[in-house]
Amino acid sequence: MGATIQGDRRNHARYELDLPLDYELSVKGRVVERGWGRTVNLSSGGMLIEIASRVAEGTSIDLRVEWPVLLGGICPMHVRVRGSVVRTGEGGTAIRARRYEFRTHGARSFHADPFDFVHTLAQA
């Protein structure tokens, strides 16, 4: 999948992954900007991203990152991350994650008949 970054003294292992993302920046609970970008690296504690804007430290950010693995081999997923900007510079924008969760999306996310879904999995 991605390579671990060697020689890093952080608490969480970081993985170099180039994944598409959408984001929203908020100030005092109000969305002030929406956009898109790419991840540079990820860890359970945060991530480094590339976006067009230079963002002030402490700004709240919500991200939706496309996940590269299908759930059960058929269902697209993304990870939602809520956090804050800790640094912006030439290397990108560093985010400290406060909360994250994996979610499914797309046509195969929901099935009206759960038995049909099990049948579909059995044929795969």
Foldseek 3Di string as FASTA:
>chain_A
DFDWDPPDPDPWTKGADWWKKKKFWDDPRHTDDIDIWTWGIDTPFWTFTADPDFDDFFIKMWMWTWDPAADLRPWTKTKIFIFTWHDADPRGTITGTPDMDMATDDPPRDDPDVVVVVVVSVVD
